Amino acid sequence: MSDTDLFRALGNERRLQNLRWSRDPVAQFLPQRIGDLVEDGVCGQFIADKLGVNAPTRGEHLPVLQASGLVTAKRIRQRTFHRHDDEKLASIASIVETI
């Protein structure tokens, strides 16, 4: 993952909003029947619904966050759950300081 990938991921308001929500998923999303919001992450469909986007648009944003390392994906049954990476988010400050 390059710095360019990281800034591309952060350069979109929907992706930034997703990262903001993922800091406290219990407060931002309804409980899930499958998967724990904190341990497993938020179901991709829940994220799409909250963003007000359809599945193809969701498919444009979440892979960018995943490729940048800011979000990890976990499959449970037929669903994909997305969780932010605390360590990666903390490292962003050091990257910005070097600019």
PDB file of N, CA and C in Angstrom:
ATOM      1  N   MET A   1       0.839  -1.172   0.000  1.00  0.00           N
ATOM      2  CA  MET A   1       0.000   0.000   0.000  1.00  0.00           C
ATOM      3  C   MET A   1       0.885   1.236   0.000  1.00  0.00           C
ATOM      4  N   SER A   2       0.628   2.102  -0.920  1.00  0.00           N
ATOM      5  CA  SER A   2       1.414   3.333  -1.030  1.00  0.00           C
ATOM      6  C   SER A   2       0.668   4.489  -0.361  1.00  0.00           C
ATOM      7  N   ASP A   3       1.401   5.565  -0.151  1.00  0.00           N
ATOM      8  CA  ASP A   3       0.771   6.774   0.392  1.00  0.00           C
ATOM      9  C   ASP A   3      -0.310   7.275  -0.555  1.00  0.00           C
ATOM     10  N   THR A   4      -0.105   7.085  -1.853  1.00  0.00           N
ATOM     11  CA  THR A   4      -1.103   7.502  -2.842  1.00  0.00           C
ATOM     12  C   THR A   4      -2.411   6.750  -2.631  1.00  0.00           C
ATOM     13  N   ASP A   5      -2.322   5.430  -2.385  1.00  0.00           N
ATOM     14  CA  ASP A   5      -3.522   4.635  -2.114  1.00  0.00           C
ATOM     15  C   ASP A   5      -4.236   5.132  -0.858  1.00  0.00           C
ATOM     16  N   LEU A   6      -3.442   5.458   0.131  1.00  0.00           N
ATOM     17  CA  LEU A   6      -4.006   5.950   1.383  1.00  0.00           C
ATOM     18  C   LEU A   6      -4.762   7.258   1.168  1.00  0.00           C
ATOM     19  N   PHE A   7      -4.140   8.209   0.469  1.00  0.00           N
ATOM     20  CA  PHE A   7      -4.803   9.496   0.251  1.00  0.00           C
ATOM     21  C   PHE A   7      -5.981   9.380  -0.703  1.00  0.00           C
ATOM     22  N   ARG A   8      -5.923   8.434  -1.627  1.00  0.00           N
ATOM     23  CA  ARG A   8      -7.087   8.182  -2.492  1.00  0.00           C
ATOM     24  C   ARG A   8      -8.262   7.703  -1.642  1.00  0.00           C
ATOM     25  N   ALA A   9      -7.974   6.820  -0.704  1.00  0.00           N
ATOM     26  CA  ALA A   9      -9.031   6.309   0.173  1.00  0.00           C
ATOM     27  C   ALA A   9      -9.633   7.419   1.020  1.00  0.00           C
ATOM     28  N   LEU A  10      -8.805   8.332   1.473  1.00  0.00           N
ATOM     29  CA  LEU A  10      -9.273   9.418   2.330  1.00  0.00           C
ATOM     30  C   LEU A  10      -9.860  10.584   1.549  1.00  0.00           C
ATOM     31  N   GLY A  11      -9.722  10.555   0.243  1.00  0.00           N
ATOM     32  CA  GLY A  11     -10.148  11.674  -0.590  1.00  0.00           C
ATOM     33  C   GLY A  11     -11.599  11.628  -1.028  1.00  0.00           C
ATOM     34  N   ASN A  12     -12.426  10.863  -0.348  1.00  0.00           N
ATOM     35  CA  ASN A  12     -13.828  10.742  -0.714  1.00  0.00           C
ATOM     36  C   ASN A  12     -14.683  10.870   0.538  1.00  0.00           C
ATOM     37  N   GLU A  13     -15.683  11.717   0.498  1.00  0.00           N
ATOM     38  CA  GLU A  13     -16.499  11.977   1.682  1.00  0.00           C
ATOM     39  C   GLU A  13     -17.222  10.734   2.184  1.00  0.00           C
ATOM     40  N   ARG A  14     -17.694   9.871   1.286  1.00  0.00           N
ATOM     41  CA  ARG A  14     -18.390   8.650   1.729  1.00  0.00           C
ATOM     42  C   ARG A  14     -17.434   7.711   2.465  1.00  0.00           C
ATOM     43  N   ARG A  15     -16.221   7.603   1.968  1.00  0.00           N
ATOM     44  CA  ARG A  15     -15.258   6.739   2.651  1.00  0.00           C
ATOM     45  C   ARG A  15     -14.872   7.333   4.005  1.00  0.00           C
ATOM     46  N   LEU A  16     -14.698   8.638   4.061  1.00  0.00           N
ATOM     47  CA  LEU A  16     -14.403   9.282   5.339  1.00  0.00           C
ATOM     48  C   LEU A  16     -15.547   9.086   6.331  1.00  0.00           C
ATOM     49  N   GLN A  17     -16.780   9.211   5.847  1.00  0.00           N
ATOM     50  CA  GLN A  17     -17.931   9.009   6.723  1.00  0.00           C
ATOM     51  C   GLN A  17     -17.953   7.580   7.261  1.00  0.00           C
ATOM     52  N   ASN A  18     -17.654   6.631   6.413  1.00  0.00           N
ATOM     53  CA  ASN A  18     -17.607   5.235   6.850  1.00  0.00           C
ATOM     54  C   ASN A  18     -16.568   5.058   7.962  1.00  0.00           C
ATOM     55  N   LEU A  19     -15.399   5.681   7.806  1.00  0.00           N
ATOM     56  CA  LEU A  19     -14.368   5.585   8.842  1.00  0.00           C
ATOM     57  C   LEU A  19     -14.822   6.237  10.143  1.00  0.00           C
ATOM     58  N   ARG A  20     -15.526   7.363  10.036  1.00  0.00           N
ATOM     59  CA  ARG A  20     -16.044   8.016  11.256  1.00  0.00           C
ATOM     60  C   ARG A  20     -17.025   7.101  11.980  1.00  0.00           C
ATOM     61  N   TRP A  21     -17.939   6.498  11.223  1.00  0.00           N
ATOM     62  CA  TRP A  21     -18.923   5.607  11.834  1.00  0.00           C
ATOM     63  C   TRP A  21     -18.260   4.382  12.448  1.00  0.00           C
ATOM     64  N   SER A  22     -17.212   3.892  11.806  1.00  0.00           N
ATOM     65  CA  SER A  22     -16.590   2.652  12.278  1.00  0.00           C
ATOM     66  C   SER A  22     -15.824   2.828  13.582  1.00  0.00           C
ATOM     67  N   ARG A  23     -15.557   4.067  13.969  1.00  0.00           N
ATOM     68  CA  ARG A  23     -14.891   4.286  15.259  1.00  0.00           C
ATOM     69  C   ARG A  23     -15.775   3.851  16.418  1.00  0.00           C
ATOM     70  N   ASP A  24     -17.084   3.975  16.270  1.00  0.00           N
ATOM     71  CA  ASP A  24     -18.024   3.563  17.315  1.00  0.00           C
ATOM     72  C   ASP A  24     -19.220   2.883  16.656  1.00  0.00           C
ATOM     73  N   PRO A  25     -19.046   1.664  16.160  1.00  0.00           N
ATOM     74  CA  PRO A  25     -20.118   1.014  15.412  1.00  0.00           C
ATOM     75  C   PRO A  25     -21.370   0.730  16.235  1.00  0.00           C
ATOM     76  N   VAL A  26     -21.211   0.517  17.532  1.00  0.00           N
ATOM     77  CA  VAL A  26     -22.371   0.229  18.379  1.00  0.00           C
ATOM     78  C   VAL A  26     -23.301   1.436  18.436  1.00  0.00           C
ATOM     79  N   ALA A  27     -22.733   2.637  18.459  1.00  0.00           N
ATOM     80  CA  ALA A  27     -23.546   3.855  18.505  1.00  0.00           C
ATOM     81  C   ALA A  27     -24.108   4.210  17.136  1.00  0.00           C
ATOM     82  N   GLN A  28     -23.461   3.767  16.070  1.00  0.00           N
ATOM     83  CA  GLN A  28     -23.827   4.198  14.725  1.00  0.00           C
ATOM     84  C   GLN A  28     -24.725   3.223  13.964  1.00  0.00           C
ATOM     85  N   PHE A  29     -24.718   1.949  14.348  1.00  0.00           N
ATOM     86  CA  PHE A  29     -25.467   0.941  13.608  1.00  0.00           C
ATOM     87  C   PHE A  29     -26.352   0.123  14.541  1.00  0.00           C
ATOM     88  N   LEU A  30     -27.435  -0.380  13.990  1.00  0.00           N
ATOM     89  CA  LEU A  30     -28.313  -1.268  14.737  1.00  0.00           C
ATOM     90  C   LEU A  30     -27.605  -2.594  14.977  1.00  0.00           C
ATOM     91  N   PRO A  31     -28.009  -3.329  16.020  1.00  0.00           N
ATOM     92  CA  PRO A  31     -27.405  -4.644  16.249  1.00  0.00           C
ATOM     93  C   PRO A  31     -27.624  -5.560  15.044  1.00  0.00           C
ATOM     94  N   GLN A  32     -26.645  -6.432  14.815  1.00  0.00           N
ATOM     95  CA  GLN A  32     -26.705  -7.370  13.704  1.00  0.00           C
ATOM     96  C   GLN A  32     -27.084  -8.749  14.225  1.00  0.00           C
ATOM     97  N   ARG A  33     -27.807  -9.496  13.409  1.00  0.00           N
ATOM     98  CA  ARG A  33     -28.135 -10.872  13.795  1.00  0.00           C
ATOM     99  C   ARG A  33     -26.912 -11.773  13.681  1.00  0.00           C
ATOM    100  N   ILE A  34     -26.064 -11.475  12.717  1.00  0.00           N
ATOM    101  CA  ILE A  34     -24.853 -12.248  12.492  1.00  0.00           C
ATOM    102  C   ILE A  34     -23.672 -11.314  12.683  1.00  0.00           C
ATOM    103  N   GLY A  35     -22.681 -11.747  13.408  1.00  0.00           N
ATOM    104  CA  GLY A  35     -21.471 -10.956  13.583  1.00  0.00           C
ATOM    105  C   GLY A  35     -21.600  -9.872  14.636  1.00  0.00           C
ATOM    106  N   ASP A  36     -20.552  -9.708  15.414  1.00  0.00           N
ATOM    107  CA  ASP A  36     -20.485  -8.678  16.436  1.00  0.00           C
ATOM    108  C   ASP A  36     -19.973  -7.376  15.813  1.00  0.00           C
ATOM    109  N   LEU A  37     -20.643  -6.280  16.081  1.00  0.00           N
ATOM    110  CA  LEU A  37     -20.271  -4.992  15.491  1.00  0.00           C
ATOM    111  C   LEU A  37     -18.825  -4.598  15.795  1.00  0.00           C
ATOM    112  N   VAL A  38     -18.359  -4.883  17.001  1.00  0.00           N
ATOM    113  CA  VAL A  38     -17.012  -4.484  17.397  1.00  0.00           C
ATOM    114  C   VAL A  38     -15.975  -5.511  16.949  1.00  0.00           C
ATOM    115  N   GLU A  39     -16.212  -6.764  17.248  1.00  0.00           N
ATOM    116  CA  GLU A  39     -15.226  -7.803  16.942  1.00  0.00           C
ATOM    117  C   GLU A  39     -15.142  -8.138  15.457  1.00  0.00           C
ATOM    118  N   ASP A  40     -16.281  -8.244  14.797  1.00  0.00           N
ATOM    119  CA  ASP A  40     -16.316  -8.670  13.397  1.00  0.00           C
ATOM    120  C   ASP A  40     -16.423  -7.504  12.422  1.00  0.00           C
ATOM    121  N   GLY A  41     -17.006  -6.416  12.855  1.00  0.00           N
ATOM    122  CA  GLY A  41     -17.216  -5.265  11.988  1.00  0.00           C
ATOM    123  C   GLY A  41     -18.667  -5.139  11.579  1.00  0.00           C
ATOM    124  N   VAL A  42     -18.920  -4.213  10.684  1.00  0.00           N
ATOM    125  CA  VAL A  42     -20.275  -3.891  10.248  1.00  0.00           C
ATOM    126  C   VAL A  42     -20.528  -4.563   8.896  1.00  0.00           C
ATOM    127  N   CYS A  43     -21.688  -5.146   8.755  1.00  0.00           N
ATOM    128  CA  CYS A  43     -22.079  -5.775   7.495  1.00  0.00           C
ATOM    129  C   CYS A  43     -22.072  -4.712   6.387  1.00  0.00           C
ATOM    130  N   GLY A  44     -21.511  -5.078   5.243  1.00  0.00           N
ATOM    131  CA  GLY A  44     -21.429  -4.155   4.117  1.00  0.00           C
ATOM    132  C   GLY A  44     -22.775  -3.591   3.710  1.00  0.00           C
ATOM    133  N   GLN A  45     -23.834  -4.384   3.841  1.00  0.00           N
ATOM    134  CA  GLN A  45     -25.162  -3.899   3.472  1.00  0.00           C
ATOM    135  C   GLN A  45     -25.646  -2.817   4.439  1.00  0.00           C
ATOM    136  N   PHE A  46     -25.312  -2.958   5.726  1.00  0.00           N
ATOM    137  CA  PHE A  46     -25.668  -1.924   6.700  1.00  0.00           C
ATOM    138  C   PHE A  46     -24.972  -0.609   6.360  1.00  0.00           C
ATOM    139  N   ILE A  47     -23.711  -0.712   5.955  1.00  0.00           N
ATOM    140  CA  ILE A  47     -22.952   0.486   5.584  1.00  0.00           C
ATOM    141  C   ILE A  47     -23.590   1.145   4.365  1.00  0.00           C
ATOM    142  N   ALA A  48     -23.914   0.339   3.368  1.00  0.00           N
ATOM    143  CA  ALA A  48     -24.536   0.874   2.147  1.00  0.00           C
ATOM    144  C   ALA A  48     -25.860   1.548   2.465  1.00  0.00           C
ATOM    145  N   ASP A  49     -26.668   0.902   3.299  1.00  0.00           N
ATOM    146  CA  ASP A  49     -27.965   1.482   3.661  1.00  0.00           C
ATOM    147  C   ASP A  49     -27.789   2.823   4.361  1.00  0.00           C
ATOM    148  N   LYS A  50     -26.846   2.899   5.288  1.00  0.00           N
ATOM    149  CA  LYS A  50     -26.643   4.146   6.031  1.00  0.00           C
ATOM    150  C   LYS A  50     -26.084   5.240   5.121  1.00  0.00           C
ATOM    151  N   LEU A  51     -25.234   4.861   4.170  1.00  0.00           N
ATOM    152  CA  LEU A  51     -24.708   5.834   3.211  1.00  0.00           C
ATOM    153  C   LEU A  51     -25.747   6.235   2.167  1.00  0.00           C
ATOM    154  N   GLY A  52     -26.789   5.406   2.023  1.00  0.00           N
ATOM    155  CA  GLY A  52     -27.806   5.674   1.016  1.00  0.00           C
ATOM    156  C   GLY A  52     -27.343   5.320  -0.379  1.00  0.00           C
ATOM    157  N   VAL A  53     -26.536   4.256  -0.483  1.00  0.00           N
ATOM    158  CA  VAL A  53     -26.020   3.827  -1.784  1.00  0.00           C
ATOM    159  C   VAL A  53     -26.432   2.384  -2.057  1.00  0.00           C
ATOM    160  N   ASN A  54     -26.342   1.995  -3.321  1.00  0.00           N
ATOM    161  CA  ASN A  54     -26.679   0.627  -3.690  1.00  0.00           C
ATOM    162  C   ASN A  54     -25.424  -0.252  -3.630  1.00  0.00           C
ATOM    163  N   ALA A  55     -25.603  -1.549  -3.884  1.00  0.00           N
ATOM    164  CA  ALA A  55     -24.497  -2.501  -3.787  1.00  0.00           C
ATOM    165  C   ALA A  55     -23.334  -2.174  -4.730  1.00  0.00           C
ATOM    166  N   PRO A  56     -23.580  -1.803  -5.996  1.00  0.00           N
ATOM    167  CA  PRO A  56     -22.446  -1.470  -6.859  1.00  0.00           C
ATOM    168  C   PRO A  56     -21.629  -0.282  -6.348  1.00  0.00           C
ATOM    169  N   THR A  57     -22.285   0.720  -5.813  1.00  0.00           N
ATOM    170  CA  THR A  57     -21.557   1.872  -5.276  1.00  0.00           C
ATOM    171  C   THR A  57     -20.786   1.473  -4.030  1.00  0.00           C
ATOM    172  N   ARG A  58     -21.405   0.658  -3.195  1.00  0.00           N
ATOM    173  CA  ARG A  58     -20.710   0.130  -2.015  1.00  0.00           C
ATOM    174  C   ARG A  58     -19.450  -0.611  -2.466  1.00  0.00           C
ATOM    175  N   GLY A  59     -19.584  -1.345  -3.569  1.00  0.00           N
ATOM    176  CA  GLY A  59     -18.470  -2.101  -4.112  1.00  0.00           C
ATOM    177  C   GLY A  59     -17.354  -1.240  -4.656  1.00  0.00           C
ATOM    178  N   GLU A  60     -17.617   0.034  -4.860  1.00  0.00           N
ATOM    179  CA  GLU A  60     -16.571   0.962  -5.287  1.00  0.00           C
ATOM    180  C   GLU A  60     -15.800   1.520  -4.094  1.00  0.00           C
ATOM    181  N   HIS A  61     -16.468   1.694  -2.970  1.00  0.00           N
ATOM    182  CA  HIS A  61     -15.856   2.369  -1.826  1.00  0.00           C
ATOM    183  C   HIS A  61     -15.152   1.442  -0.847  1.00  0.00           C
ATOM    184  N   LEU A  62     -15.803   0.369  -0.466  1.00  0.00           N
ATOM    185  CA  LEU A  62     -15.224  -0.496   0.556  1.00  0.00           C
ATOM    186  C   LEU A  62     -13.928  -1.171   0.104  1.00  0.00           C
ATOM    187  N   PRO A  63     -13.810  -1.621  -1.144  1.00  0.00           N
ATOM    188  CA  PRO A  63     -12.525  -2.192  -1.571  1.00  0.00           C
ATOM    189  C   PRO A  63     -11.374  -1.179  -1.555  1.00  0.00           C
ATOM    190  N   VAL A  64     -11.668   0.079  -1.797  1.00  0.00           N
ATOM    191  CA  VAL A  64     -10.616   1.107  -1.745  1.00  0.00           C
ATOM    192  C   VAL A  64     -10.114   1.250  -0.314  1.00  0.00           C
ATOM    193  N   LEU A  65     -11.031   1.271   0.638  1.00  0.00           N
ATOM    194  CA  LEU A  65     -10.636   1.347   2.047  1.00  0.00           C
ATOM    195  C   LEU A  65      -9.851   0.104   2.457  1.00  0.00           C
ATOM    196  N   GLN A  66     -10.283  -1.027   1.956  1.00  0.00           N
ATOM    197  CA  GLN A  66      -9.600  -2.278   2.279  1.00  0.00           C
ATOM    198  C   GLN A  66      -8.200  -2.305   1.662  1.00  0.00           C
ATOM    199  N   ALA A  67      -8.070  -1.901   0.404  1.00  0.00           N
ATOM    200  CA  ALA A  67      -6.770  -1.895  -0.263  1.00  0.00           C
ATOM    201  C   ALA A  67      -5.795  -0.932   0.407  1.00  0.00           C
ATOM    202  N   SER A  68      -6.314   0.130   0.991  1.00  0.00           N
ATOM    203  CA  SER A  68      -5.459   1.104   1.666  1.00  0.00           C
ATOM    204  C   SER A  68      -5.016   0.610   3.042  1.00  0.00           C
ATOM    205  N   GLY A  69      -5.647  -0.451   3.527  1.00  0.00           N
ATOM    206  CA  GLY A  69      -5.311  -0.984   4.836  1.00  0.00           C
ATOM    207  C   GLY A  69      -6.060  -0.339   5.979  1.00  0.00           C
ATOM    208  N   LEU A  70      -6.936   0.605   5.669  1.00  0.00           N
ATOM    209  CA  LEU A  70      -7.689   1.288   6.724  1.00  0.00           C
ATOM    210  C   LEU A  70      -8.828   0.441   7.268  1.00  0.00           C
ATOM    211  N   VAL A  71      -9.286  -0.502   6.465  1.00  0.00           N
ATOM    212  CA  VAL A  71     -10.409  -1.360   6.834  1.00  0.00           C
ATOM    213  C   VAL A  71     -10.038  -2.803   6.518  1.00  0.00           C
ATOM    214  N   THR A  72     -10.438  -3.705   7.393  1.00  0.00           N
ATOM    215  CA  THR A  72     -10.267  -5.128   7.118  1.00  0.00           C
ATOM    216  C   THR A  72     -11.633  -5.736   6.837  1.00  0.00           C
ATOM    217  N   ALA A  73     -11.637  -6.770   6.041  1.00  0.00           N
ATOM    218  CA  ALA A  73     -12.888  -7.448   5.692  1.00  0.00           C
ATOM    219  C   ALA A  73     -12.856  -8.866   6.242  1.00  0.00           C
ATOM    220  N   LYS A  74     -14.022  -9.322   6.677  1.00  0.00           N
ATOM    221  CA  LYS A  74     -14.151 -10.664   7.237  1.00  0.00           C
ATOM    222  C   LYS A  74     -15.444 -11.278   6.716  1.00  0.00           C
ATOM    223  N   ARG A  75     -15.341 -12.467   6.141  1.00  0.00           N
ATOM    224  CA  ARG A  75     -16.533 -13.166   5.646  1.00  0.00           C
ATOM    225  C   ARG A  75     -17.106 -14.035   6.758  1.00  0.00           C
ATOM    226  N   ILE A  76     -18.400 -13.884   6.962  1.00  0.00           N
ATOM    227  CA  ILE A  76     -19.153 -14.763   7.850  1.00  0.00           C
ATOM    228  C   ILE A  76     -20.378 -15.188   7.069  1.00  0.00           C
ATOM    229  N   ARG A  77     -20.455 -16.481   6.837  1.00  0.00           N
ATOM    230  CA  ARG A  77     -21.499 -17.036   5.978  1.00  0.00           C
ATOM    231  C   ARG A  77     -21.422 -16.355   4.614  1.00  0.00           C
ATOM    232  N   GLN A  78     -22.499 -15.741   4.183  1.00  0.00           N
ATOM    233  CA  GLN A  78     -22.494 -15.105   2.856  1.00  0.00           C
ATOM    234  C   GLN A  78     -22.364 -13.588   2.930  1.00  0.00           C
ATOM    235  N   ARG A  79     -21.963 -13.082   4.062  1.00  0.00           N
ATOM    236  CA  ARG A  79     -21.854 -11.635   4.242  1.00  0.00           C
ATOM    237  C   ARG A  79     -20.410 -11.230   4.508  1.00  0.00           C
ATOM    238  N   THR A  80     -20.100  -9.994   4.153  1.00  0.00           N
ATOM    239  CA  THR A  80     -18.769  -9.446   4.429  1.00  0.00           C
ATOM    240  C   THR A  80     -18.916  -8.320   5.440  1.00  0.00           C
ATOM    241  N   PHE A  81     -18.110  -8.402   6.477  1.00  0.00           N
ATOM    242  CA  PHE A  81     -18.132  -7.421   7.550  1.00  0.00           C
ATOM    243  C   PHE A  81     -16.852  -6.600   7.487  1.00  0.00           C
ATOM    244  N   HIS A  82     -16.988  -5.296   7.714  1.00  0.00           N
ATOM    245  CA  HIS A  82     -15.865  -4.373   7.576  1.00  0.00           C
ATOM    246  C   HIS A  82     -15.590  -3.706   8.918  1.00  0.00           C
ATOM    247  N   ARG A  83     -14.313  -3.694   9.280  1.00  0.00           N
ATOM    248  CA  ARG A  83     -13.888  -3.148  10.560  1.00  0.00           C
ATOM    249  C   ARG A  83     -12.664  -2.270  10.326  1.00  0.00           C
ATOM    250  N   HIS A  84     -12.619  -1.110  10.976  1.00  0.00           N
ATOM    251  CA  HIS A  84     -11.457  -0.230  10.792  1.00  0.00           C
ATOM    252  C   HIS A  84     -10.250  -0.806  11.519  1.00  0.00           C
ATOM    253  N   ASP A  85      -9.071  -0.460  11.023  1.00  0.00           N
ATOM    254  CA  ASP A  85      -7.818  -0.930  11.603  1.00  0.00           C
ATOM    255  C   ASP A  85      -7.238   0.193  12.457  1.00  0.00           C
ATOM    256  N   ASP A  86      -7.326   0.040  13.777  1.00  0.00           N
ATOM    257  CA  ASP A  86      -6.868   1.078  14.702  1.00  0.00           C
ATOM    258  C   ASP A  86      -5.407   1.452  14.481  1.00  0.00           C
ATOM    259  N   GLU A  87      -4.551   0.463  14.294  1.00  0.00           N
ATOM    260  CA  GLU A  87      -3.129   0.735  14.128  1.00  0.00           C
ATOM    261  C   GLU A  87      -2.858   1.531  12.856  1.00  0.00           C
ATOM    262  N   LYS A  88      -3.530   1.166  11.794  1.00  0.00           N
ATOM    263  CA  LYS A  88      -3.328   1.868  10.521  1.00  0.00           C
ATOM    264  C   LYS A  88      -3.816   3.308  10.626  1.00  0.00           C
ATOM    265  N   LEU A  89      -4.963   3.500  11.240  1.00  0.00           N
ATOM    266  CA  LEU A  89      -5.478   4.856  11.404  1.00  0.00           C
ATOM    267  C   LEU A  89      -4.542   5.699  12.252  1.00  0.00           C
ATOM    268  N   ALA A  90      -3.922   5.093  13.263  1.00  0.00           N
ATOM    269  CA  ALA A  90      -2.981   5.826  14.104  1.00  0.00           C
ATOM    270  C   ALA A  90      -1.720   6.199  13.331  1.00  0.00           C
ATOM    271  N   SER A  91      -1.341   5.379  12.375  1.00  0.00           N
ATOM    272  CA  SER A  91      -0.119   5.658  11.605  1.00  0.00           C
ATOM    273  C   SER A  91      -0.299   6.779  10.592  1.00  0.00           C
ATOM    274  N   ILE A  92      -1.533   7.150  10.297  1.00  0.00           N
ATOM    275  CA  ILE A  92      -1.783   8.215   9.319  1.00  0.00           C
ATOM    276  C   ILE A  92      -1.131   9.520   9.774  1.00  0.00           C
ATOM    277  N   ALA A  93      -1.192   9.797  11.042  1.00  0.00           N
ATOM    278  CA  ALA A  93      -0.604  11.039  11.557  1.00  0.00           C
ATOM    279  C   ALA A  93       0.883  11.125  11.243  1.00  0.00           C
ATOM    280  N   SER A  94       1.593  10.026  11.372  1.00  0.00           N
ATOM    281  CA  SER A  94       3.029  10.064  11.087  1.00  0.00           C
ATOM    282  C   SER A  94       3.304  10.264   9.598  1.00  0.00           C
ATOM    283  N   ILE A  95       2.435   9.736   8.740  1.00  0.00           N
ATOM    284  CA  ILE A  95       2.610   9.932   7.304  1.00  0.00           C
ATOM    285  C   ILE A  95       2.378  11.394   6.953  1.00  0.00           C
ATOM    286  N   VAL A  96       1.328  11.988   7.522  1.00  0.00           N
ATOM    287  CA  VAL A  96       1.018  13.394   7.232  1.00  0.00           C
ATOM    288  C   VAL A  96       2.121  14.314   7.747  1.00  0.00           C
ATOM    289  N   GLU A  97       2.707  13.978   8.881  1.00  0.00           N
ATOM    290  CA  GLU A  97       3.770  14.816   9.430  1.00  0.00           C
ATOM    291  C   GLU A  97       4.996  14.869   8.536  1.00  0.00           C
ATOM    292  N   THR A  98       5.205  13.847   7.703  1.00  0.00           N
ATOM    293  CA  THR A  98       6.395  13.817   6.850  1.00  0.00           C
ATOM    294  C   THR A  98       6.223  14.622   5.566  1.00  0.00           C
ATOM    295  N   ILE A  99       5.050  15.131   5.333  1.00  0.00           N
ATOM    296  CA  ILE A  99       4.790  15.890   4.101  1.00  0.00           C
ATOM    297  C   ILE A  99       5.273  17.320   4.254  1.00  0.00           C
TER     298      ILE A  99
END
